[in-house]
PDB file of all heavy atoms in Angstrom:
ATOM      1  N   HIS A   1       6.506 -24.404  -4.849  1.00  0.00           N
ATOM      2  CA  HIS A   1       7.553 -24.437  -5.882  1.00  0.00           C
ATOM      3  C   HIS A   1       7.784 -23.035  -6.447  1.00  0.00           C
ATOM      4  O   HIS A   1       8.918 -22.608  -6.649  1.00  0.00           O
ATOM      5  CB  HIS A   1       7.140 -25.360  -7.036  1.00  0.00           C
ATOM      6  CG  HIS A   1       7.202 -26.813  -6.703  1.00  0.00           C
ATOM      7  ND1 HIS A   1       8.381 -27.469  -6.446  1.00  0.00           N
ATOM      8  CD2 HIS A   1       6.223 -27.739  -6.587  1.00  0.00           C
ATOM      9  CE1 HIS A   1       8.136 -28.741  -6.190  1.00  0.00           C
ATOM     10  NE2 HIS A   1       6.829 -28.937  -6.275  1.00  0.00           N
ATOM     11  N   LEU A   2       6.688 -22.328  -6.700  1.00  0.00           N
ATOM     12  CA  LEU A   2       6.746 -20.976  -7.271  1.00  0.00           C
ATOM     13  C   LEU A   2       7.463 -20.029  -6.308  1.00  0.00           C
ATOM     14  O   LEU A   2       8.284 -19.201  -6.710  1.00  0.00           O
ATOM     15  CB  LEU A   2       5.321 -20.477  -7.540  1.00  0.00           C
ATOM     16  CG  LEU A   2       5.152 -19.243  -8.413  1.00  0.00           C
ATOM     17  CD1 LEU A   2       5.445 -19.599  -9.867  1.00  0.00           C
ATOM     18  CD2 LEU A   2       3.738 -18.703  -8.313  1.00  0.00           C
ATOM     19  N   ASP A   3       7.153 -20.175  -5.023  1.00  0.00           N
ATOM     20  CA  ASP A   3       7.722 -19.275  -4.008  1.00  0.00           C
ATOM     21  C   ASP A   3       9.231 -19.459  -3.858  1.00  0.00           C
ATOM     22  O   ASP A   3       9.905 -18.587  -3.330  1.00  0.00           O
ATOM     23  CB  ASP A   3       7.034 -19.507  -2.653  1.00  0.00           C
ATOM     24  CG  ASP A   3       5.562 -19.114  -2.697  1.00  0.00           C
ATOM     25  OD1 ASP A   3       5.208 -18.287  -3.558  1.00  0.00           O
ATOM     26  OD2 ASP A   3       4.780 -19.643  -1.892  1.00  0.00           O
ATOM     27  N   ARG A   4       9.753 -20.598  -4.322  1.00  0.00           N
ATOM     28  CA  ARG A   4      11.201 -20.810  -4.236  1.00  0.00           C
ATOM     29  C   ARG A   4      11.944 -19.886  -5.186  1.00  0.00           C
ATOM     30  O   ARG A   4      13.102 -19.556  -4.950  1.00  0.00           O
ATOM     31  CB  ARG A   4      11.552 -22.261  -4.568  1.00  0.00           C
ATOM     32  CG  ARG A   4      11.381 -23.230  -3.410  1.00  0.00           C
ATOM     33  CD  ARG A   4      11.999 -24.581  -3.690  1.00  0.00           C
ATOM     34  NE  ARG A   4      13.201 -24.451  -4.479  1.00  0.00           N
ATOM     35  CZ  ARG A   4      13.367 -24.984  -5.683  1.00  0.00           C
ATOM     36  NH1 ARG A   4      12.412 -25.673  -6.232  1.00  0.00           N
ATOM     37  NH2 ARG A   4      14.494 -24.819  -6.338  1.00  0.00           N
ATOM     38  N   GLY A   5      11.290 -19.476  -6.284  1.00  0.00           N
ATOM     39  CA  GLY A   5      12.029 -18.716  -7.288  1.00  0.00           C
ATOM     40  C   GLY A   5      11.425 -17.396  -7.726  1.00  0.00           C
ATOM     41  O   GLY A   5      12.043 -16.670  -8.490  1.00  0.00           O
ATOM     42  N   TYR A   6      10.196 -17.102  -7.283  1.00  0.00           N
ATOM     43  CA  TYR A   6       9.574 -15.833  -7.686  1.00  0.00           C
ATOM     44  C   TYR A   6       9.189 -15.029  -6.455  1.00  0.00           C
ATOM     45  O   TYR A   6       8.551 -15.546  -5.550  1.00  0.00           O
ATOM     46  CB  TYR A   6       8.320 -16.091  -8.550  1.00  0.00           C
ATOM     47  CG  TYR A   6       8.657 -16.619  -9.921  1.00  0.00           C
ATOM     48  CD1 TYR A   6       8.692 -17.984 -10.171  1.00  0.00           C
ATOM     49  CD2 TYR A   6       8.952 -15.752 -10.970  1.00  0.00           C
ATOM     50  CE1 TYR A   6       9.014 -18.478 -11.432  1.00  0.00           C
ATOM     51  CE2 TYR A   6       9.271 -16.243 -12.236  1.00  0.00           C
ATOM     52  CZ  TYR A   6       9.297 -17.606 -12.455  1.00  0.00           C
ATOM     53  OH  TYR A   6       9.616 -18.085 -13.701  1.00  0.00           O
ATOM     54  N   ASP A   7       9.590 -13.779  -6.455  1.00  0.00           N
ATOM     55  CA  ASP A   7       9.344 -12.868  -5.344  1.00  0.00           C
ATOM     56  C   ASP A   7       7.944 -12.263  -5.517  1.00  0.00           C
ATOM     57  O   ASP A   7       7.756 -11.377  -6.342  1.00  0.00           O
ATOM     58  CB  ASP A   7      10.447 -11.789  -5.391  1.00  0.00           C
ATOM     59  CG  ASP A   7      10.366 -10.783  -4.258  1.00  0.00           C
ATOM     60  OD1 ASP A   7       9.375 -10.811  -3.511  1.00  0.00           O
ATOM     61  OD2 ASP A   7      11.295  -9.975  -4.133  1.00  0.00           O
ATOM     62  N   GLN A   8       6.969 -12.822  -4.783  1.00  0.00           N
ATOM     63  CA  GLN A   8       5.584 -12.299  -4.763  1.00  0.00           C
ATOM     64  C   GLN A   8       4.969 -12.196  -6.157  1.00  0.00           C
ATOM     65  O   GLN A   8       4.465 -11.153  -6.554  1.00  0.00           O
ATOM     66  CB  GLN A   8       5.561 -10.910  -4.112  1.00  0.00           C
ATOM     67  CG  GLN A   8       6.055 -10.945  -2.682  1.00  0.00           C
ATOM     68  CD  GLN A   8       6.231  -9.568  -2.113  1.00  0.00           C
ATOM     69  OE1 GLN A   8       6.906  -8.728  -2.704  1.00  0.00           O
ATOM     70  NE2 GLN A   8       5.630  -9.308  -0.975  1.00  0.00           N
ATOM     71  N   MET A   9       5.006 -13.290  -6.887  1.00  0.00           N
ATOM     72  CA  MET A   9       4.539 -13.264  -8.265  1.00  0.00           C
ATOM     73  C   MET A   9       3.079 -12.842  -8.395  1.00  0.00           C
ATOM     74  O   MET A   9       2.728 -12.042  -9.256  1.00  0.00           O
ATOM     75  CB  MET A   9       4.728 -14.629  -8.927  1.00  0.00           C
ATOM     76  CG  MET A   9       4.426 -14.588 -10.408  1.00  0.00           C
ATOM     77  SD  MET A   9       4.649 -16.187 -11.167  1.00  0.00           S
ATOM     78  CE  MET A   9       4.904 -15.712 -12.862  1.00  0.00           C
ATOM     79  N   GLU A  10       2.220 -13.392  -7.525  1.00  0.00           N
ATOM     80  CA  GLU A  10       0.789 -13.086  -7.715  1.00  0.00           C
ATOM     81  C   GLU A  10       0.496 -11.619  -7.410  1.00  0.00           C
ATOM     82  O   GLU A  10      -0.337 -10.987  -8.066  1.00  0.00           O
ATOM     83  CB  GLU A  10      -0.111 -14.036  -6.904  1.00  0.00           C
ATOM     84  CG  GLU A  10      -0.254 -13.733  -5.437  1.00  0.00           C
ATOM     85  CD  GLU A  10       0.931 -14.186  -4.601  1.00  0.00           C
ATOM     86  OE1 GLU A  10       1.908 -14.743  -5.138  1.00  0.00           O
ATOM     87  OE2 GLU A  10       0.874 -13.979  -3.381  1.00  0.00           O
ATOM     88  N   ALA A  11       1.217 -11.027  -6.445  1.00  0.00           N
ATOM     89  CA  ALA A  11       1.024  -9.606  -6.126  1.00  0.00           C
ATOM     90  C   ALA A  11       1.460  -8.747  -7.322  1.00  0.00           C
ATOM     91  O   ALA A  11       0.794  -7.777  -7.686  1.00  0.00           O
ATOM     92  CB  ALA A  11       1.825  -9.231  -4.880  1.00  0.00           C
ATOM     93  N   LYS A  12       2.578  -9.121  -7.957  1.00  0.00           N
ATOM     94  CA  LYS A  12       3.052  -8.372  -9.129  1.00  0.00           C
ATOM     95  C   LYS A  12       2.057  -8.490 -10.280  1.00  0.00           C
ATOM     96  O   LYS A  12       1.796  -7.512 -10.991  1.00  0.00           O
ATOM     97  CB  LYS A  12       4.434  -8.884  -9.557  1.00  0.00           C
ATOM     98  CG  LYS A  12       5.545  -8.496  -8.586  1.00  0.00           C
ATOM     99  CD  LYS A  12       6.903  -8.914  -9.108  1.00  0.00           C
ATOM    100  CE  LYS A  12       8.000  -8.553  -8.113  1.00  0.00           C
ATOM    101  NZ  LYS A  12       9.343  -8.882  -8.613  1.00  0.00           N
ATOM    102  N   LEU A  13       1.515  -9.700 -10.490  1.00  0.00           N
ATOM    103  CA  LEU A  13       0.547  -9.895 -11.577  1.00  0.00           C
ATOM    104  C   LEU A  13      -0.742  -9.117 -11.312  1.00  0.00           C
ATOM    105  O   LEU A  13      -1.322  -8.528 -12.213  1.00  0.00           O
ATOM    106  CB  LEU A  13       0.251 -11.390 -11.765  1.00  0.00           C
ATOM    107  CG  LEU A  13       1.330 -12.183 -12.514  1.00  0.00           C
ATOM    108  CD1 LEU A  13       1.088 -13.678 -12.394  1.00  0.00           C
ATOM    109  CD2 LEU A  13       1.396 -11.767 -13.988  1.00  0.00           C
ATOM    110  N   ARG A  14      -1.163  -9.117 -10.042  1.00  0.00           N
ATOM    111  CA  ARG A  14      -2.367  -8.345  -9.684  1.00  0.00           C
ATOM    112  C   ARG A  14      -2.155  -6.872  -9.985  1.00  0.00           C
ATOM    113  O   ARG A  14      -3.045  -6.183 -10.462  1.00  0.00           O
ATOM    114  CB  ARG A  14      -2.703  -8.540  -8.199  1.00  0.00           C
ATOM    115  CG  ARG A  14      -4.017  -9.255  -7.985  1.00  0.00           C
ATOM    116  CD  ARG A  14      -4.569  -9.177  -6.579  1.00  0.00           C
ATOM    117  NE  ARG A  14      -3.589  -9.071  -5.522  1.00  0.00           N
ATOM    118  CZ  ARG A  14      -3.038 -10.114  -4.901  1.00  0.00           C
ATOM    119  NH1 ARG A  14      -3.344 -11.346  -5.263  1.00  0.00           N
ATOM    120  NH2 ARG A  14      -2.176  -9.941  -3.937  1.00  0.00           N
ATOM    121  N   GLY A  15      -0.942  -6.399  -9.727  1.00  0.00           N
ATOM    122  CA  GLY A  15      -0.609  -4.992  -9.956  1.00  0.00           C
ATOM    123  C   GLY A  15      -0.709  -4.580 -11.419  1.00  0.00           C
ATOM    124  O   GLY A  15      -0.833  -3.397 -11.731  1.00  0.00           O
ATOM    125  N   ILE A  16      -0.644  -5.559 -12.340  1.00  0.00           N
ATOM    126  CA  ILE A  16      -0.765  -5.218 -13.770  1.00  0.00           C
ATOM    127  C   ILE A  16      -2.080  -5.761 -14.356  1.00  0.00           C
ATOM    128  O   ILE A  16      -2.209  -5.925 -15.572  1.00  0.00           O
ATOM    129  CB  ILE A  16       0.463  -5.683 -14.596  1.00  0.00           C
ATOM    130  CG1 ILE A  16       0.808  -7.152 -14.334  1.00  0.00           C
ATOM    131  CG2 ILE A  16       1.661  -4.797 -14.318  1.00  0.00           C
ATOM    132  CD1 ILE A  16       1.957  -7.692 -15.195  1.00  0.00           C
ATOM    133  N   GLY A  17      -3.054  -6.043 -13.464  1.00  0.00           N
ATOM    134  CA  GLY A  17      -4.406  -6.303 -13.949  1.00  0.00           C
ATOM    135  C   GLY A  17      -4.872  -7.746 -13.984  1.00  0.00           C
ATOM    136  O   GLY A  17      -5.984  -8.023 -14.438  1.00  0.00           O
ATOM    137  N   ALA A  18      -4.051  -8.686 -13.501  1.00  0.00           N
ATOM    138  CA  ALA A  18      -4.488 -10.085 -13.502  1.00  0.00           C
ATOM    139  C   ALA A  18      -5.489 -10.317 -12.369  1.00  0.00           C
ATOM    140  O   ALA A  18      -5.405  -9.673 -11.321  1.00  0.00           O
ATOM    141  CB  ALA A  18      -3.293 -11.017 -13.346  1.00  0.00           C
ATOM    142  N   ASP A  19      -6.432 -11.243 -12.601  1.00  0.00           N
ATOM    143  CA  ASP A  19      -7.368 -11.651 -11.549  1.00  0.00           C
ATOM    144  C   ASP A  19      -6.794 -12.919 -10.929  1.00  0.00           C
ATOM    145  O   ASP A  19      -7.016 -14.036 -11.408  1.00  0.00           O
ATOM    146  CB  ASP A  19      -8.757 -11.912 -12.157  1.00  0.00           C
ATOM    147  CG  ASP A  19      -9.810 -12.180 -11.078  1.00  0.00           C
ATOM    148  OD1 ASP A  19      -9.419 -12.468  -9.932  1.00  0.00           O
ATOM    149  OD2 ASP A  19     -11.005 -12.101 -11.393  1.00  0.00           O
ATOM    150  N   ILE A  20      -5.988 -12.740  -9.878  1.00  0.00           N
ATOM    151  CA  ILE A  20      -5.259 -13.864  -9.296  1.00  0.00           C
ATOM    152  C   ILE A  20      -5.185 -13.676  -7.792  1.00  0.00           C
ATOM    153  O   ILE A  20      -4.946 -12.574  -7.308  1.00  0.00           O
ATOM    154  CB  ILE A  20      -3.840 -13.966  -9.932  1.00  0.00           C
ATOM    155  CG1 ILE A  20      -3.039 -15.147  -9.357  1.00  0.00           C
ATOM    156  CG2 ILE A  20      -3.051 -12.676  -9.773  1.00  0.00           C
ATOM    157  CD1 ILE A  20      -1.745 -15.424 -10.147  1.00  0.00           C
ATOM    158  N   GLU A  21      -5.430 -14.746  -7.035  1.00  0.00           N
ATOM    159  CA  GLU A  21      -5.307 -14.635  -5.577  1.00  0.00           C
ATOM    160  C   GLU A  21      -4.769 -15.924  -4.977  1.00  0.00           C
ATOM    161  O   GLU A  21      -4.936 -17.014  -5.527  1.00  0.00           O
ATOM    162  CB  GLU A  21      -6.665 -14.275  -4.941  1.00  0.00           C
ATOM    163  CG  GLU A  21      -7.760 -15.284  -5.201  1.00  0.00           C
ATOM    164  CD  GLU A  21      -9.101 -14.860  -4.595  1.00  0.00           C
ATOM    165  OE1 GLU A  21      -9.097 -14.373  -3.457  1.00  0.00           O
ATOM    166  OE2 GLU A  21     -10.127 -15.044  -5.273  1.00  0.00           O
ATOM    167  N   ARG A  22      -4.114 -15.748  -3.851  1.00  0.00           N
ATOM    168  CA  ARG A  22      -3.559 -16.883  -3.123  1.00  0.00           C
ATOM    169  C   ARG A  22      -4.604 -17.362  -2.128  1.00  0.00           C
ATOM    170  O   ARG A  22      -5.148 -16.559  -1.366  1.00  0.00           O
ATOM    171  CB  ARG A  22      -2.292 -16.415  -2.390  1.00  0.00           C
ATOM    172  CG  ARG A  22      -1.526 -17.503  -1.665  1.00  0.00           C
ATOM    173  CD  ARG A  22      -0.283 -16.907  -1.014  1.00  0.00           C
ATOM    174  NE  ARG A  22       0.761 -16.631  -2.000  1.00  0.00           N
ATOM    175  CZ  ARG A  22       1.880 -17.352  -2.114  1.00  0.00           C
ATOM    176  NH1 ARG A  22       2.109 -18.367  -1.322  1.00  0.00           N
ATOM    177  NH2 ARG A  22       2.774 -17.043  -3.024  1.00  0.00           N
ATOM    178  N   ILE A  23      -4.888 -18.643  -2.143  1.00  0.00           N
ATOM    179  CA  ILE A  23      -5.861 -19.184  -1.185  1.00  0.00           C
ATOM    180  C   ILE A  23      -5.253 -20.398  -0.484  1.00  0.00           C
ATOM    181  O   ILE A  23      -4.288 -20.988  -0.954  1.00  0.00           O
ATOM    182  CB  ILE A  23      -7.195 -19.582  -1.882  1.00  0.00           C
ATOM    183  CG1 ILE A  23      -6.938 -20.618  -2.976  1.00  0.00           C
ATOM    184  CG2 ILE A  23      -7.897 -18.362  -2.464  1.00  0.00           C
ATOM    185  CD1 ILE A  23      -8.206 -21.193  -3.568  1.00  0.00           C
ATOM    186  N   GLN A  24      -5.857 -20.762   0.634  1.00  0.00           N
ATOM    187  CA  GLN A  24      -5.362 -21.922   1.389  1.00  0.00           C
ATOM    188  C   GLN A  24      -5.899 -23.217   0.798  1.00  0.00           C
ATOM    189  O   GLN A  24      -7.030 -23.283   0.391  1.00  0.00           O
ATOM    190  CB  GLN A  24      -5.814 -21.814   2.845  1.00  0.00           C
ATOM    191  CG  GLN A  24      -5.099 -20.716   3.603  1.00  0.00           C
ATOM    192  CD  GLN A  24      -3.616 -21.000   3.822  1.00  0.00           C
ATOM    193  OE1 GLN A  24      -3.221 -22.147   3.970  1.00  0.00           O
ATOM    194  NE2 GLN A  24      -2.798 -19.957   3.832  1.00  0.00           N
TER     195      GLN A  24
END
């Protein structure tokens, strides 16, 4: 659902210091 409307959200959040990762 997120990928339908946000362009690489977790990568952007990681870039500003969030501890977030995509897993299977």
